[in-house]
Amino acid sequence: MKTTPETGYGVPEKETPEKIYQKLLERLPEVAKTVIDDRSENDNFKQNPDDPKEHDVSWHQFGIVTHTEKFSQFFQTEAQEYFQKWNVDEKINQKLSESIDGKTKAELLHISIPLHDLGKFARGFMEKDGKIKPDYKGHEAKSEKLIRENEQIHDLLQETYGLTEAQIDYIACCAGLHYELGKTRDEAKKTDMGYTIAFAKSKQCQKACNEIAQKFPEFKEEIGILFLCDNLAKTDVRIDAETDEEIEKQTQRIENIIQERNLNSKLVAAIKQRPVNIAIAKRYLENIIK
């Protein structure tokens, strides 16, 4: 913020979208501390908001801040490679080239990434097996609400970085919908297949994907993009598989890598689920871009 001599009032600095993204990412630990509840269970979290142990360790190798950095990296690199491979890149680029008050949706989606998991910092707690444990359920809706309603965060976007209400609305929607495609898991659980590559290829998955796209027609492409990037950023242990059988054959290799690198043993499921998430993203994007 700078002050004009004529009026004495502050006016937003004119920042490029990349600068806004970088500054938001730099300030993320600071912003996180303002939304973490003051309770004893959060003492370490407030001091160390990027501590991996304070994330959902069953599904994330990294702390929330590092996960967010990797999310951005994959949005700019690996995800683009998948879009080209799946022949959906032209339609995606066309959608993201649309402008809101002078900034493209691609630029605004990138700006949304540092804020997409704000709701995890505002986590609640639940009792499980006689212990109080963090509860991250509904974190995406919390992220959207914080962007819209938290005065400090909203002012940071509007007053400091000069974003308009329409741009902030788009950013908030991206944060709120980044997990939407993950809700196909609920449909998968109703089938004998479960959440598998076989499910990704099924009519049930196609129906679930269609319903999500129809529910959010203005954000249908973004939903697929955000889901893919978010899941790519959960762990750097990679396996490639086209079938569920190929995934299972690599279980021992995964366990060996986890042991060699001294990673959390619970990450086995997240690593094995990576090819499934990619298959779901592929089915969804191919289905909506015809």
C-alpha atoms as a PDB file:
ATOM      1  CA  MET A   1       0.000   0.000   0.000  1.00  0.00           C
ATOM      2  CA  LYS A   2       1.257   3.460  -0.809  1.00  0.00           C
ATOM      3  CA  THR A   3      -0.174   6.868   0.143  1.00  0.00           C
ATOM      4  CA  THR A   4      -0.857   9.644  -2.338  1.00  0.00           C
ATOM      5  CA  PRO A   5       0.231  13.145  -1.232  1.00  0.00           C
ATOM      6  CA  GLU A   6      -2.896  14.660  -2.769  1.00  0.00           C
ATOM      7  CA  THR A   7      -5.419  12.733  -0.709  1.00  0.00           C
ATOM      8  CA  GLY A   8      -3.486  11.017   2.065  1.00  0.00           C
ATOM      9  CA  TYR A   9      -5.511   7.865   1.414  1.00  0.00           C
ATOM     10  CA  GLY A  10      -3.902   4.543   0.697  1.00  0.00           C
ATOM     11  CA  VAL A  11      -4.219   3.092  -2.762  1.00  0.00           C
ATOM     12  CA  PRO A  12      -3.371  -0.475  -3.758  1.00  0.00           C
ATOM     13  CA  GLU A  13      -0.018  -1.130  -5.311  1.00  0.00           C
ATOM     14  CA  LYS A  14      -0.245  -2.250  -8.919  1.00  0.00           C
ATOM     15  CA  GLU A  15       1.117  -5.760  -8.828  1.00  0.00           C
ATOM     16  CA  THR A  16       1.370  -8.331 -11.566  1.00  0.00           C
ATOM     17  CA  PRO A  17      -0.636 -11.520 -10.934  1.00  0.00           C
ATOM     18  CA  GLU A  18       2.646 -13.433 -10.482  1.00  0.00           C
ATOM     19  CA  LYS A  19       3.800 -10.935  -7.837  1.00  0.00           C
ATOM     20  CA  ILE A  20       0.475 -11.221  -6.026  1.00  0.00           C
ATOM     21  CA  TYR A  21       0.789 -15.009  -6.025  1.00  0.00           C
ATOM     22  CA  GLN A  22       4.370 -14.859  -4.722  1.00  0.00           C
ATOM     23  CA  LYS A  23       3.527 -12.393  -1.964  1.00  0.00           C
ATOM     24  CA  LEU A  24       0.484 -14.383  -0.870  1.00  0.00           C
ATOM     25  CA  LEU A  25       2.585 -17.528  -0.672  1.00  0.00           C
ATOM     26  CA  GLU A  26       5.242 -15.698   1.349  1.00  0.00           C
ATOM     27  CA  ARG A  27       2.600 -14.389   3.734  1.00  0.00           C
ATOM     28  CA  LEU A  28       0.742 -17.691   4.045  1.00  0.00           C
ATOM     29  CA  PRO A  29       2.328 -18.742   7.387  1.00  0.00           C
ATOM     30  CA  GLU A  30       1.511 -15.290   8.779  1.00  0.00           C
ATOM     31  CA  VAL A  31      -2.081 -15.444   7.502  1.00  0.00           C
ATOM     32  CA  ALA A  32      -2.426 -18.998   8.784  1.00  0.00           C
ATOM     33  CA  LYS A  33      -1.628 -17.956  12.327  1.00  0.00           C
ATOM     34  CA  THR A  34      -4.502 -15.468  12.287  1.00  0.00           C
ATOM     35  CA  VAL A  35      -7.107 -18.190  11.595  1.00  0.00           C
ATOM     36  CA  ILE A  36      -5.724 -21.015  13.755  1.00  0.00           C
ATOM     37  CA  ASP A  37      -7.879 -21.272  16.876  1.00  0.00           C
ATOM     38  CA  ASP A  38      -6.320 -20.493  20.234  1.00  0.00           C
ATOM     39  CA  ARG A  39      -6.528 -23.852  21.973  1.00  0.00           C
ATOM     40  CA  SER A  40      -3.897 -26.097  23.497  1.00  0.00           C
ATOM     41  CA  GLU A  41      -4.140 -28.679  20.696  1.00  0.00           C
ATOM     42  CA  ASN A  42      -3.055 -25.960  18.263  1.00  0.00           C
ATOM     43  CA  ASP A  43      -0.031 -24.655  20.175  1.00  0.00           C
ATOM     44  CA  ASN A  44       2.537 -26.289  17.871  1.00  0.00           C
ATOM     45  CA  PHE A  45       0.406 -25.634  14.781  1.00  0.00           C
ATOM     46  CA  LYS A  46       0.354 -21.912  15.514  1.00  0.00           C
ATOM     47  CA  GLN A  47       4.123 -21.831  15.888  1.00  0.00           C
ATOM     48  CA  ASN A  48       4.806 -24.199  12.974  1.00  0.00           C
ATOM     49  CA  PRO A  49       1.927 -24.000  10.447  1.00  0.00           C
ATOM     50  CA  ASP A  50       3.957 -25.991   7.880  1.00  0.00           C
ATOM     51  CA  ASP A  51       4.736 -28.897  10.222  1.00  0.00           C
ATOM     52  CA  PRO A  52       3.829 -32.090   8.293  1.00  0.00           C
ATOM     53  CA  LYS A  53       2.582 -33.639  11.536  1.00  0.00           C
ATOM     54  CA  GLU A  54      -0.074 -30.924  11.660  1.00  0.00           C
ATOM     55  CA  HIS A  55      -1.472 -31.918   8.273  1.00  0.00           C
ATOM     56  CA  ASP A  56      -3.558 -35.017   7.520  1.00  0.00           C
ATOM     57  CA  VAL A  57      -0.578 -37.401   7.698  1.00  0.00           C
ATOM     58  CA  SER A  58      -2.508 -40.316   6.206  1.00  0.00           C
ATOM     59  CA  TRP A  59      -2.857 -38.487   2.911  1.00  0.00           C
ATOM     60  CA  HIS A  60      -0.173 -35.785   2.832  1.00  0.00           C
ATOM     61  CA  GLN A  61       3.593 -36.089   2.907  1.00  0.00           C
ATOM     62  CA  PHE A  62       4.094 -32.348   3.361  1.00  0.00           C
ATOM     63  CA  GLY A  63       2.931 -29.556   5.619  1.00  0.00           C
ATOM     64  CA  ILE A  64       0.154 -27.327   4.307  1.00  0.00           C
ATOM     65  CA  VAL A  65       2.441 -24.522   3.114  1.00  0.00           C
ATOM     66  CA  THR A  66       4.808 -26.878   1.265  1.00  0.00           C
ATOM     67  CA  HIS A  67       1.829 -28.754  -0.201  1.00  0.00           C
ATOM     68  CA  THR A  68       0.549 -25.395  -1.469  1.00  0.00           C
ATOM     69  CA  GLU A  69       3.895 -24.581  -3.110  1.00  0.00           C
ATOM     70  CA  LYS A  70       3.906 -27.946  -4.866  1.00  0.00           C
ATOM     71  CA  PHE A  71       0.289 -27.457  -5.947  1.00  0.00           C
ATOM     72  CA  SER A  72       1.415 -24.337  -7.817  1.00  0.00           C
ATOM     73  CA  GLN A  73       4.405 -26.095  -9.354  1.00  0.00           C
ATOM     74  CA  PHE A  74       2.207 -28.856 -10.748  1.00  0.00           C
ATOM     75  CA  PHE A  75      -0.350 -26.367 -12.047  1.00  0.00           C
ATOM     76  CA  GLN A  76       2.384 -24.817 -14.168  1.00  0.00           C
ATOM     77  CA  THR A  77       4.204 -28.004 -15.232  1.00  0.00           C
ATOM     78  CA  GLU A  78       3.009 -31.588 -14.858  1.00  0.00           C
ATOM     79  CA  ALA A  79      -0.704 -30.815 -15.065  1.00  0.00           C
ATOM     80  CA  GLN A  80      -0.176 -29.046 -18.385  1.00  0.00           C
ATOM     81  CA  GLU A  81       1.530 -32.176 -19.709  1.00  0.00           C
ATOM     82  CA  TYR A  82      -1.487 -34.272 -18.746  1.00  0.00           C
ATOM     83  CA  PHE A  83      -3.869 -31.834 -20.438  1.00  0.00           C
ATOM     84  CA  GLN A  84      -1.887 -32.097 -23.664  1.00  0.00           C
ATOM     85  CA  LYS A  85      -1.741 -35.881 -23.420  1.00  0.00           C
ATOM     86  CA  TRP A  86      -5.511 -36.046 -22.901  1.00  0.00           C
ATOM     87  CA  ASN A  87      -6.176 -33.564 -25.739  1.00  0.00           C
ATOM     88  CA  VAL A  88      -8.075 -31.177 -23.474  1.00  0.00           C
ATOM     89  CA  ASP A  89      -5.460 -28.416 -23.338  1.00  0.00           C
ATOM     90  CA  GLU A  90      -6.974 -26.297 -26.117  1.00  0.00           C
ATOM     91  CA  LYS A  91     -10.393 -26.095 -24.422  1.00  0.00           C
ATOM     92  CA  ILE A  92      -8.841 -25.504 -21.006  1.00  0.00           C
ATOM     93  CA  ASN A  93      -6.616 -22.725 -22.314  1.00  0.00           C
ATOM     94  CA  GLN A  94      -9.607 -21.176 -24.055  1.00  0.00           C
ATOM     95  CA  LYS A  95     -11.593 -21.154 -20.812  1.00  0.00           C
ATOM     96  CA  LEU A  96      -8.722 -19.830 -18.681  1.00  0.00           C
ATOM     97  CA  SER A  97      -7.964 -17.070 -21.195  1.00  0.00           C
ATOM     98  CA  GLU A  98     -11.287 -15.448 -20.319  1.00  0.00           C
ATOM     99  CA  SER A  99     -10.870 -12.191 -18.434  1.00  0.00           C
ATOM    100  CA  ILE A 100     -12.365 -10.803 -15.223  1.00  0.00           C
ATOM    101  CA  ASP A 101     -11.739  -7.084 -14.752  1.00  0.00           C
ATOM    102  CA  GLY A 102      -8.480  -7.210 -16.685  1.00  0.00           C
ATOM    103  CA  LYS A 103      -6.995 -10.422 -15.291  1.00  0.00           C
ATOM    104  CA  THR A 104      -7.349 -13.804 -16.957  1.00  0.00           C
ATOM    105  CA  LYS A 105      -8.930 -16.717 -15.155  1.00  0.00           C
ATOM    106  CA  ALA A 106      -5.582 -18.524 -15.437  1.00  0.00           C
ATOM    107  CA  GLU A 107      -3.942 -15.705 -13.481  1.00  0.00           C
ATOM    108  CA  LEU A 108      -6.713 -15.622 -10.886  1.00  0.00           C
ATOM    109  CA  LEU A 109      -6.741 -19.404 -10.492  1.00  0.00           C
ATOM    110  CA  HIS A 110      -3.010 -19.232  -9.784  1.00  0.00           C
ATOM    111  CA  ILE A 111      -3.613 -16.511  -7.199  1.00  0.00           C
ATOM    112  CA  SER A 112      -6.222 -18.754  -5.542  1.00  0.00           C
ATOM    113  CA  ILE A 113      -3.710 -21.536  -4.913  1.00  0.00           C
ATOM    114  CA  PRO A 114      -2.018 -20.027  -1.813  1.00  0.00           C
ATOM    115  CA  LEU A 115      -5.500 -19.637  -0.308  1.00  0.00           C
ATOM    116  CA  HIS A 116      -7.076 -22.954  -1.298  1.00  0.00           C
ATOM    117  CA  ASP A 117      -6.341 -24.701   2.029  1.00  0.00           C
ATOM    118  CA  LEU A 118      -6.941 -21.798   4.416  1.00  0.00           C
ATOM    119  CA  GLY A 119      -9.769 -23.854   5.888  1.00  0.00           C
ATOM    120  CA  LYS A 120      -7.282 -26.455   7.096  1.00  0.00           C
ATOM    121  CA  PHE A 121      -5.673 -23.843   9.300  1.00  0.00           C
ATOM    122  CA  ALA A 122      -9.127 -23.133  10.734  1.00  0.00           C
ATOM    123  CA  ARG A 123      -9.539 -26.847  11.473  1.00  0.00           C
ATOM    124  CA  GLY A 124     -11.866 -28.170  14.093  1.00  0.00           C
ATOM    125  CA  PHE A 125     -11.438 -31.212  16.317  1.00  0.00           C
ATOM    126  CA  MET A 126     -13.306 -34.451  16.891  1.00  0.00           C
ATOM    127  CA  GLU A 127     -13.121 -37.298  19.356  1.00  0.00           C
ATOM    128  CA  LYS A 128     -12.013 -40.584  17.830  1.00  0.00           C
ATOM    129  CA  ASP A 129     -10.939 -43.741  19.644  1.00  0.00           C
ATOM    130  CA  GLY A 130     -11.016 -41.815  22.889  1.00  0.00           C
ATOM    131  CA  LYS A 131      -8.636 -39.146  21.573  1.00  0.00           C
ATOM    132  CA  ILE A 132      -9.111 -35.571  20.365  1.00  0.00           C
ATOM    133  CA  LYS A 133      -7.970 -35.393  16.738  1.00  0.00           C
ATOM    134  CA  PRO A 134      -7.930 -32.631  14.088  1.00  0.00           C
ATOM    135  CA  ASP A 135     -10.906 -32.565  11.749  1.00  0.00           C
ATOM    136  CA  TYR A 136     -10.314 -31.177   8.252  1.00  0.00           C
ATOM    137  CA  LYS A 137     -13.720 -32.109   6.866  1.00  0.00           C
ATOM    138  CA  GLY A 138     -15.274 -29.290   4.861  1.00  0.00           C
ATOM    139  CA  HIS A 139     -12.007 -27.362   4.746  1.00  0.00           C
ATOM    140  CA  GLU A 140     -12.656 -26.210   1.181  1.00  0.00           C
ATOM    141  CA  ALA A 141     -15.932 -24.507   2.187  1.00  0.00           C
ATOM    142  CA  LYS A 142     -14.107 -22.895   5.119  1.00  0.00           C
ATOM    143  CA  SER A 143     -11.446 -21.612   2.711  1.00  0.00           C
ATOM    144  CA  GLU A 144     -14.081 -19.984   0.534  1.00  0.00           C
ATOM    145  CA  LYS A 145     -15.799 -18.419   3.539  1.00  0.00           C
ATOM    146  CA  LEU A 146     -12.529 -17.005   4.906  1.00  0.00           C
ATOM    147  CA  ILE A 147     -11.717 -15.381   1.559  1.00  0.00           C
ATOM    148  CA  ARG A 148     -15.167 -13.826   1.366  1.00  0.00           C
ATOM    149  CA  GLU A 149     -15.802 -12.926   5.006  1.00  0.00           C
ATOM    150  CA  ASN A 150     -12.525 -12.673   6.929  1.00  0.00           C
ATOM    151  CA  GLU A 151     -11.870  -8.936   7.028  1.00  0.00           C
ATOM    152  CA  GLN A 152      -8.087  -9.237   7.192  1.00  0.00           C
ATOM    153  CA  ILE A 153      -7.857 -11.663   4.271  1.00  0.00           C
ATOM    154  CA  HIS A 154     -10.398  -9.792   2.152  1.00  0.00           C
ATOM    155  CA  ASP A 155      -8.634  -6.476   2.776  1.00  0.00           C
ATOM    156  CA  LEU A 156      -5.298  -8.047   1.887  1.00  0.00           C
ATOM    157  CA  LEU A 157      -6.679  -9.038  -1.509  1.00  0.00           C
ATOM    158  CA  GLN A 158      -8.642  -5.876  -2.178  1.00  0.00           C
ATOM    159  CA  GLU A 159      -6.811  -3.043  -0.445  1.00  0.00           C
ATOM    160  CA  THR A 160      -3.229  -4.295  -0.620  1.00  0.00           C
ATOM    161  CA  TYR A 161      -3.216  -6.105  -3.952  1.00  0.00           C
ATOM    162  CA  GLY A 162      -5.987  -4.187  -5.730  1.00  0.00           C
ATOM    163  CA  LEU A 163      -8.192  -7.132  -6.666  1.00  0.00           C
ATOM    164  CA  THR A 164     -11.803  -6.343  -7.509  1.00  0.00           C
ATOM    165  CA  GLU A 165     -14.852  -7.941  -5.913  1.00  0.00           C
ATOM    166  CA  ALA A 166     -15.474  -9.975  -9.061  1.00  0.00           C
ATOM    167  CA  GLN A 167     -11.883 -11.251  -9.041  1.00  0.00           C
ATOM    168  CA  ILE A 168     -12.070 -12.113  -5.335  1.00  0.00           C
ATOM    169  CA  ASP A 169     -15.361 -13.923  -5.955  1.00  0.00           C
ATOM    170  CA  TYR A 170     -13.698 -16.085  -8.620  1.00  0.00           C
ATOM    171  CA  ILE A 171     -10.726 -16.822  -6.325  1.00  0.00           C
ATOM    172  CA  ALA A 172     -13.093 -17.760  -3.492  1.00  0.00           C
ATOM    173  CA  CYS A 173     -15.044 -20.102  -5.766  1.00  0.00           C
ATOM    174  CA  CYS A 174     -11.835 -21.821  -6.902  1.00  0.00           C
ATOM    175  CA  ALA A 175     -10.862 -22.422  -3.272  1.00  0.00           C
ATOM    176  CA  GLY A 176     -14.327 -23.677  -2.413  1.00  0.00           C
ATOM    177  CA  LEU A 177     -14.499 -26.091  -5.348  1.00  0.00           C
ATOM    178  CA  HIS A 178     -10.953 -27.471  -5.390  1.00  0.00           C
ATOM    179  CA  TYR A 179     -12.089 -30.749  -3.793  1.00  0.00           C
ATOM    180  CA  GLU A 180     -15.458 -31.050  -5.566  1.00  0.00           C
ATOM    181  CA  LEU A 181     -14.365 -33.842  -7.897  1.00  0.00           C
ATOM    182  CA  GLY A 182     -13.145 -35.776  -4.851  1.00  0.00           C
ATOM    183  CA  LYS A 183     -16.792 -36.292  -3.989  1.00  0.00           C
ATOM    184  CA  THR A 184     -16.896 -38.993  -6.632  1.00  0.00           C
ATOM    185  CA  ARG A 185     -15.438 -41.139  -3.826  1.00  0.00           C
ATOM    186  CA  ASP A 186     -18.873 -41.110  -2.214  1.00  0.00           C
ATOM    187  CA  GLU A 187     -20.378 -42.617  -5.361  1.00  0.00           C
ATOM    188  CA  ALA A 188     -17.534 -45.108  -5.656  1.00  0.00           C
ATOM    189  CA  LYS A 189     -18.202 -46.407  -2.154  1.00  0.00           C
ATOM    190  CA  LYS A 190     -21.725 -47.336  -3.239  1.00  0.00           C
ATOM    191  CA  THR A 191     -20.331 -49.737  -5.832  1.00  0.00           C
ATOM    192  CA  ASP A 192     -18.527 -53.064  -5.573  1.00  0.00           C
ATOM    193  CA  MET A 193     -15.522 -51.443  -7.263  1.00  0.00           C
ATOM    194  CA  GLY A 194     -14.772 -48.861  -4.598  1.00  0.00           C
ATOM    195  CA  TYR A 195     -12.570 -45.887  -5.441  1.00  0.00           C
ATOM    196  CA  THR A 196     -10.448 -47.563  -8.113  1.00  0.00           C
ATOM    197  CA  ILE A 197      -9.298 -47.183 -11.702  1.00  0.00           C
ATOM    198  CA  ALA A 198     -12.085 -49.609 -12.609  1.00  0.00           C
ATOM    199  CA  PHE A 199     -14.563 -47.143 -11.107  1.00  0.00           C
ATOM    200  CA  ALA A 200     -12.968 -44.292 -13.091  1.00  0.00           C
ATOM    201  CA  LYS A 201     -13.805 -46.204 -16.275  1.00  0.00           C
ATOM    202  CA  SER A 202     -17.370 -47.058 -15.207  1.00  0.00           C
ATOM    203  CA  LYS A 203     -20.760 -45.608 -16.126  1.00  0.00           C
ATOM    204  CA  GLN A 204     -21.261 -44.715 -12.461  1.00  0.00           C
ATOM    205  CA  CYS A 205     -18.206 -42.470 -12.594  1.00  0.00           C
ATOM    206  CA  GLN A 206     -19.377 -40.849 -15.814  1.00  0.00           C
ATOM    207  CA  LYS A 207     -22.743 -40.110 -14.209  1.00  0.00           C
ATOM    208  CA  ALA A 208     -21.076 -38.621 -11.103  1.00  0.00           C
ATOM    209  CA  CYS A 209     -18.788 -36.471 -13.270  1.00  0.00           C
ATOM    210  CA  ASN A 210     -21.700 -35.219 -15.335  1.00  0.00           C
ATOM    211  CA  GLU A 211     -23.653 -34.258 -12.231  1.00  0.00           C
ATOM    212  CA  ILE A 212     -20.722 -32.272 -10.834  1.00  0.00           C
ATOM    213  CA  ALA A 213     -20.178 -30.437 -14.133  1.00  0.00           C
ATOM    214  CA  GLN A 214     -23.890 -29.679 -14.459  1.00  0.00           C
ATOM    215  CA  LYS A 215     -24.036 -28.365 -10.896  1.00  0.00           C
ATOM    216  CA  PHE A 216     -21.189 -25.906 -11.522  1.00  0.00           C
ATOM    217  CA  PRO A 217     -21.245 -25.131 -15.267  1.00  0.00           C
ATOM    218  CA  GLU A 218     -19.255 -21.895 -14.901  1.00  0.00           C
ATOM    219  CA  PHE A 219     -16.451 -23.695 -13.057  1.00  0.00           C
ATOM    220  CA  LYS A 220     -16.512 -27.154 -14.596  1.00  0.00           C
ATOM    221  CA  GLU A 221     -13.021 -26.913 -16.127  1.00  0.00           C
ATOM    222  CA  GLU A 222     -11.512 -25.394 -12.985  1.00  0.00           C
ATOM    223  CA  ILE A 223     -12.905 -28.249 -10.873  1.00  0.00           C
ATOM    224  CA  GLY A 224     -10.929 -30.800 -12.888  1.00  0.00           C
ATOM    225  CA  ILE A 225      -7.759 -28.700 -12.960  1.00  0.00           C
ATOM    226  CA  LEU A 226      -7.750 -28.026  -9.227  1.00  0.00           C
ATOM    227  CA  PHE A 227      -8.506 -31.622  -8.302  1.00  0.00           C
ATOM    228  CA  LEU A 228      -5.644 -32.944 -10.419  1.00  0.00           C
ATOM    229  CA  CYS A 229      -3.067 -30.440  -9.121  1.00  0.00           C
ATOM    230  CA  ASP A 230      -4.136 -30.835  -5.500  1.00  0.00           C
ATOM    231  CA  ASN A 231      -3.685 -34.584  -5.666  1.00  0.00           C
ATOM    232  CA  LEU A 232      -0.372 -34.437  -7.509  1.00  0.00           C
ATOM    233  CA  ALA A 233       0.927 -32.295  -4.641  1.00  0.00           C
ATOM    234  CA  LYS A 234       0.161 -34.775  -1.847  1.00  0.00           C
ATOM    235  CA  THR A 235       3.378 -36.809  -2.141  1.00  0.00           C
ATOM    236  CA  ASP A 236       6.481 -36.952  -4.319  1.00  0.00           C
ATOM    237  CA  VAL A 237       6.542 -40.766  -4.320  1.00  0.00           C
ATOM    238  CA  ARG A 238       5.285 -41.718  -7.778  1.00  0.00           C
ATOM    239  CA  ILE A 239       3.940 -44.871  -9.329  1.00  0.00           C
ATOM    240  CA  ASP A 240       2.503 -45.270 -12.802  1.00  0.00           C
ATOM    241  CA  ALA A 241      -0.347 -47.682 -13.380  1.00  0.00           C
ATOM    242  CA  GLU A 242      -3.138 -48.131 -15.883  1.00  0.00           C
ATOM    243  CA  THR A 243      -5.008 -50.796 -13.890  1.00  0.00           C
ATOM    244  CA  ASP A 244      -5.744 -51.589 -10.268  1.00  0.00           C
ATOM    245  CA  GLU A 245      -3.752 -54.803 -10.613  1.00  0.00           C
ATOM    246  CA  GLU A 246      -0.681 -52.803 -11.616  1.00  0.00           C
ATOM    247  CA  ILE A 247      -1.112 -50.657  -8.528  1.00  0.00           C
ATOM    248  CA  GLU A 248      -1.247 -53.666  -6.210  1.00  0.00           C
ATOM    249  CA  LYS A 249       1.868 -55.196  -7.753  1.00  0.00           C
ATOM    250  CA  GLN A 250       3.832 -52.125  -6.647  1.00  0.00           C
ATOM    251  CA  THR A 251       2.798 -52.272  -2.978  1.00  0.00           C
ATOM    252  CA  GLN A 252       6.065 -53.788  -1.779  1.00  0.00           C
ATOM    253  CA  ARG A 253       8.101 -51.266  -3.767  1.00  0.00           C
ATOM    254  CA  ILE A 254       6.104 -48.421  -2.208  1.00  0.00           C
ATOM    255  CA  GLU A 255       6.634 -49.783   1.289  1.00  0.00           C
ATOM    256  CA  ASN A 256      10.361 -50.091   0.630  1.00  0.00           C
ATOM    257  CA  ILE A 257      10.596 -46.475  -0.544  1.00  0.00           C
ATOM    258  CA  ILE A 258       8.695 -45.267   2.501  1.00  0.00           C
ATOM    259  CA  GLN A 259      11.020 -47.188   4.795  1.00  0.00           C
ATOM    260  CA  GLU A 260      14.175 -46.040   2.991  1.00  0.00           C
ATOM    261  CA  ARG A 261      13.096 -42.397   3.153  1.00  0.00           C
ATOM    262  CA  ASN A 262      11.730 -42.666   6.686  1.00  0.00           C
ATOM    263  CA  LEU A 263       8.301 -41.407   5.602  1.00  0.00           C
ATOM    264  CA  ASN A 264       5.049 -41.979   7.441  1.00  0.00           C
ATOM    265  CA  SER A 265       3.907 -45.553   6.854  1.00  0.00           C
ATOM    266  CA  LYS A 266       0.322 -44.343   6.397  1.00  0.00           C
ATOM    267  CA  LEU A 267       1.308 -42.762   3.072  1.00  0.00           C
ATOM    268  CA  VAL A 268       0.984 -46.128   1.316  1.00  0.00           C
ATOM    269  CA  ALA A 269      -2.697 -45.469   0.617  1.00  0.00           C
ATOM    270  CA  ALA A 270      -2.074 -41.966  -0.728  1.00  0.00           C
ATOM    271  CA  ILE A 271       0.663 -43.187  -3.064  1.00  0.00           C
ATOM    272  CA  LYS A 272      -1.481 -46.045  -4.348  1.00  0.00           C
ATOM    273  CA  GLN A 273      -4.404 -43.686  -4.851  1.00  0.00           C
ATOM    274  CA  ARG A 274      -2.432 -41.286  -7.061  1.00  0.00           C
ATOM    275  CA  PRO A 275      -3.070 -43.210 -10.328  1.00  0.00           C
ATOM    276  CA  VAL A 276      -6.757 -43.436  -9.399  1.00  0.00           C
ATOM    277  CA  ASN A 277      -7.011 -39.680  -8.884  1.00  0.00           C
ATOM    278  CA  ILE A 278      -5.317 -39.099 -12.228  1.00  0.00           C
ATOM    279  CA  ALA A 279      -7.739 -41.518 -13.895  1.00  0.00           C
ATOM    280  CA  ILE A 280     -10.704 -39.707 -12.319  1.00  0.00           C
ATOM    281  CA  ALA A 281      -9.393 -36.317 -13.480  1.00  0.00           C
ATOM    282  CA  LYS A 282      -8.846 -37.707 -16.984  1.00  0.00           C
ATOM    283  CA  ARG A 283     -12.344 -39.196 -17.179  1.00  0.00           C
ATOM    284  CA  TYR A 284     -13.919 -35.994 -15.889  1.00  0.00           C
ATOM    285  CA  LEU A 285     -12.071 -33.601 -18.203  1.00  0.00           C
ATOM    286  CA  GLU A 286     -12.465 -35.797 -21.258  1.00  0.00           C
ATOM    287  CA  ASN A 287     -16.149 -36.148 -20.433  1.00  0.00           C
ATOM    288  CA  ILE A 288     -16.866 -32.414 -20.156  1.00  0.00           C
ATOM    289  CA  ILE A 289     -14.637 -31.391 -23.068  1.00  0.00           C
ATOM    290  CA  LYS A 290     -16.011 -33.065 -26.139  1.00  0.00           C
END
